[in-house]
Amino acid sequence: MVRKATKPMIHRLPLTKARINLGALVRRVHLGKEYVILEKDGIPVVGLMDINEFEDYLELQDPKVRADIKKSNAEYRAGKSRPMDEFLRELRGETKKAKRRAGA
């Protein structure tokens, strides 16, 4: 099933209102996968996002991770990919072999 990309919900909120409703705001960001831009005197000063997405963002700042992604994309475009079910069968077969070796 292909998931359709949806535009994320982005809300702008004055810092004073965010302070009063912080618990509910955090819940909306974490569970609702929403973004919140906090403003001071109408000027955006900080954004809130879910921690999992933030960690992904930080990981992408690592040059080694970016190089690995670039290499992977190039291999895919060059036709070096294979169907997922084939890969999973191979992986399961390797897992069974490893278990047999460990038990022997």
C-alpha atoms as a PDB file:
ATOM      1  CA  MET A   1       0.000   0.000   0.000  1.00  0.00           C
ATOM      2  CA  VAL A   2       1.429   3.352  -1.016  1.00  0.00           C
ATOM      3  CA  ARG A   3       0.943   6.117   1.522  1.00  0.00           C
ATOM      4  CA  LYS A   4       0.050   9.508   0.208  1.00  0.00           C
ATOM      5  CA  ALA A   5       2.271  12.285   1.500  1.00  0.00           C
ATOM      6  CA  THR A   6       0.306  14.733   3.577  1.00  0.00           C
ATOM      7  CA  LYS A   7       1.270  18.265   4.369  1.00  0.00           C
ATOM      8  CA  PRO A   8       2.298  18.528   8.022  1.00  0.00           C
ATOM      9  CA  MET A   9       0.227  20.688  10.325  1.00  0.00           C
ATOM     10  CA  ILE A  10       2.209  23.794  11.230  1.00  0.00           C
ATOM     11  CA  HIS A  11       0.907  26.083  13.931  1.00  0.00           C
ATOM     12  CA  ARG A  12       2.193  29.464  15.062  1.00  0.00           C
ATOM     13  CA  LEU A  13       1.756  30.332  18.706  1.00  0.00           C
ATOM     14  CA  PRO A  14       2.846  33.168  20.972  1.00  0.00           C
ATOM     15  CA  LEU A  15       5.358  32.063  23.577  1.00  0.00           C
ATOM     16  CA  THR A  16       3.053  33.222  26.400  1.00  0.00           C
ATOM     17  CA  LYS A  17       0.245  30.888  25.238  1.00  0.00           C
ATOM     18  CA  ALA A  18       2.689  28.017  24.777  1.00  0.00           C
ATOM     19  CA  ARG A  19       3.916  28.435  28.348  1.00  0.00           C
ATOM     20  CA  ILE A  20       0.371  28.158  29.707  1.00  0.00           C
ATOM     21  CA  ASN A  21      -0.512  25.108  27.564  1.00  0.00           C
ATOM     22  CA  LEU A  22       2.864  23.366  27.426  1.00  0.00           C
ATOM     23  CA  GLY A  23       1.616  19.872  28.329  1.00  0.00           C
ATOM     24  CA  ALA A  24      -1.117  19.866  25.692  1.00  0.00           C
ATOM     25  CA  LEU A  25       1.240  21.402  23.160  1.00  0.00           C
ATOM     26  CA  VAL A  26       3.870  18.704  23.700  1.00  0.00           C
ATOM     27  CA  ARG A  27       1.198  16.014  23.378  1.00  0.00           C
ATOM     28  CA  ARG A  28       0.019  17.483  20.038  1.00  0.00           C
ATOM     29  CA  VAL A  29       3.565  17.624  18.706  1.00  0.00           C
ATOM     30  CA  HIS A  30       4.465  14.108  19.852  1.00  0.00           C
ATOM     31  CA  LEU A  31       1.252  12.201  19.167  1.00  0.00           C
ATOM     32  CA  GLY A  32      -0.234  14.325  16.392  1.00  0.00           C
ATOM     33  CA  LYS A  33       3.065  14.746  14.525  1.00  0.00           C
ATOM     34  CA  GLU A  34       2.398  18.473  14.311  1.00  0.00           C
ATOM     35  CA  TYR A  35       4.925  21.286  14.187  1.00  0.00           C
ATOM     36  CA  VAL A  36       4.708  24.423  16.278  1.00  0.00           C
ATOM     37  CA  ILE A  37       6.529  27.678  15.706  1.00  0.00           C
ATOM     38  CA  LEU A  38       6.755  29.746  18.872  1.00  0.00           C
ATOM     39  CA  GLU A  39       6.818  33.502  18.457  1.00  0.00           C
ATOM     40  CA  LYS A  40       7.947  36.338  20.690  1.00  0.00           C
ATOM     41  CA  ASP A  41       6.394  39.673  19.787  1.00  0.00           C
ATOM     42  CA  GLY A  42       5.261  38.158  16.473  1.00  0.00           C
ATOM     43  CA  ILE A  43       8.790  37.034  15.544  1.00  0.00           C
ATOM     44  CA  PRO A  44       9.447  33.271  15.133  1.00  0.00           C
ATOM     45  CA  VAL A  45      12.101  32.212  17.652  1.00  0.00           C
ATOM     46  CA  VAL A  46      11.892  28.429  18.009  1.00  0.00           C
ATOM     47  CA  GLY A  47      10.205  25.385  16.485  1.00  0.00           C
ATOM     48  CA  LEU A  48       8.910  22.247  18.175  1.00  0.00           C
ATOM     49  CA  MET A  49       9.004  18.817  16.556  1.00  0.00           C
ATOM     50  CA  ASP A  50       8.781  15.206  17.723  1.00  0.00           C
ATOM     51  CA  ILE A  51      12.027  13.812  19.166  1.00  0.00           C
ATOM     52  CA  ASN A  52      12.220  10.909  16.677  1.00  0.00           C
ATOM     53  CA  GLU A  53      12.141  13.297  13.763  1.00  0.00           C
ATOM     54  CA  PHE A  54      14.645  15.585  15.462  1.00  0.00           C
ATOM     55  CA  GLU A  55      17.052  12.678  16.009  1.00  0.00           C
ATOM     56  CA  ASP A  56      16.708  11.761  12.317  1.00  0.00           C
ATOM     57  CA  TYR A  57      17.490  15.367  11.423  1.00  0.00           C
ATOM     58  CA  LEU A  58      20.608  15.339  13.620  1.00  0.00           C
ATOM     59  CA  GLU A  59      21.744  12.029  12.120  1.00  0.00           C
ATOM     60  CA  LEU A  60      21.471  13.495   8.622  1.00  0.00           C
ATOM     61  CA  GLN A  61      23.905  16.221   9.640  1.00  0.00           C
ATOM     62  CA  ASP A  62      26.630  13.543   9.930  1.00  0.00           C
ATOM     63  CA  PRO A  63      28.733  13.566   6.709  1.00  0.00           C
ATOM     64  CA  LYS A  64      29.233   9.777   6.895  1.00  0.00           C
ATOM     65  CA  VAL A  65      25.476   9.163   7.016  1.00  0.00           C
ATOM     66  CA  ARG A  66      24.917  11.518   4.088  1.00  0.00           C
ATOM     67  CA  ALA A  67      27.646   9.711   2.116  1.00  0.00           C
ATOM     68  CA  ASP A  68      26.057   6.318   2.860  1.00  0.00           C
ATOM     69  CA  ILE A  69      22.658   7.577   1.666  1.00  0.00           C
ATOM     70  CA  LYS A  70      24.211   9.022  -1.509  1.00  0.00           C
ATOM     71  CA  LYS A  71      26.004   5.721  -2.220  1.00  0.00           C
ATOM     72  CA  SER A  72      22.816   3.741  -1.595  1.00  0.00           C
ATOM     73  CA  ASN A  73      20.813   5.957  -3.959  1.00  0.00           C
ATOM     74  CA  ALA A  74      23.467   5.577  -6.677  1.00  0.00           C
ATOM     75  CA  GLU A  75      23.417   1.777  -6.315  1.00  0.00           C
ATOM     76  CA  TYR A  76      19.628   1.755  -6.528  1.00  0.00           C
ATOM     77  CA  ARG A  77      19.652   3.882  -9.693  1.00  0.00           C
ATOM     78  CA  ALA A  78      22.288   1.561 -11.174  1.00  0.00           C
ATOM     79  CA  GLY A  79      19.908  -1.394 -10.752  1.00  0.00           C
ATOM     80  CA  LYS A  80      21.716  -3.029  -7.868  1.00  0.00           C
ATOM     81  CA  SER A  81      18.525  -3.462  -5.863  1.00  0.00           C
ATOM     82  CA  ARG A  82      16.409  -6.579  -5.445  1.00  0.00           C
ATOM     83  CA  PRO A  83      12.881  -7.371  -4.355  1.00  0.00           C
ATOM     84  CA  MET A  84      12.237  -7.145  -0.627  1.00  0.00           C
ATOM     85  CA  ASP A  85      10.829 -10.681  -0.359  1.00  0.00           C
ATOM     86  CA  GLU A  86      14.029 -12.077  -1.886  1.00  0.00           C
ATOM     87  CA  PHE A  87      16.117 -10.157   0.620  1.00  0.00           C
ATOM     88  CA  LEU A  88      13.952 -11.301   3.541  1.00  0.00           C
ATOM     89  CA  ARG A  89      14.194 -14.954   2.460  1.00  0.00           C
ATOM     90  CA  GLU A  90      17.966 -14.637   2.328  1.00  0.00           C
ATOM     91  CA  LEU A  91      18.023 -12.922   5.701  1.00  0.00           C
ATOM     92  CA  ARG A  92      15.852 -15.599   7.297  1.00  0.00           C
ATOM     93  CA  GLY A  93      18.030 -18.317   5.770  1.00  0.00           C
ATOM     94  CA  GLU A  94      21.156 -16.682   7.178  1.00  0.00           C
ATOM     95  CA  THR A  95      19.490 -16.394  10.565  1.00  0.00           C
ATOM     96  CA  LYS A  96      18.632 -20.120  10.571  1.00  0.00           C
ATOM     97  CA  LYS A  97      22.185 -21.029   9.568  1.00  0.00           C
ATOM     98  CA  ALA A  98      23.597 -18.811  12.314  1.00  0.00           C
ATOM     99  CA  LYS A  99      21.314 -20.451  14.902  1.00  0.00           C
ATOM    100  CA  ARG A 100      22.399 -23.913  13.747  1.00  0.00           C
ATOM    101  CA  ARG A 101      26.075 -22.917  14.018  1.00  0.00           C
ATOM    102  CA  ALA A 102      25.546 -21.476  17.490  1.00  0.00           C
ATOM    103  CA  GLY A 103      23.768 -24.644  18.649  1.00  0.00           C
ATOM    104  CA  ALA A 104      26.415 -26.960  17.227  1.00  0.00           C
END
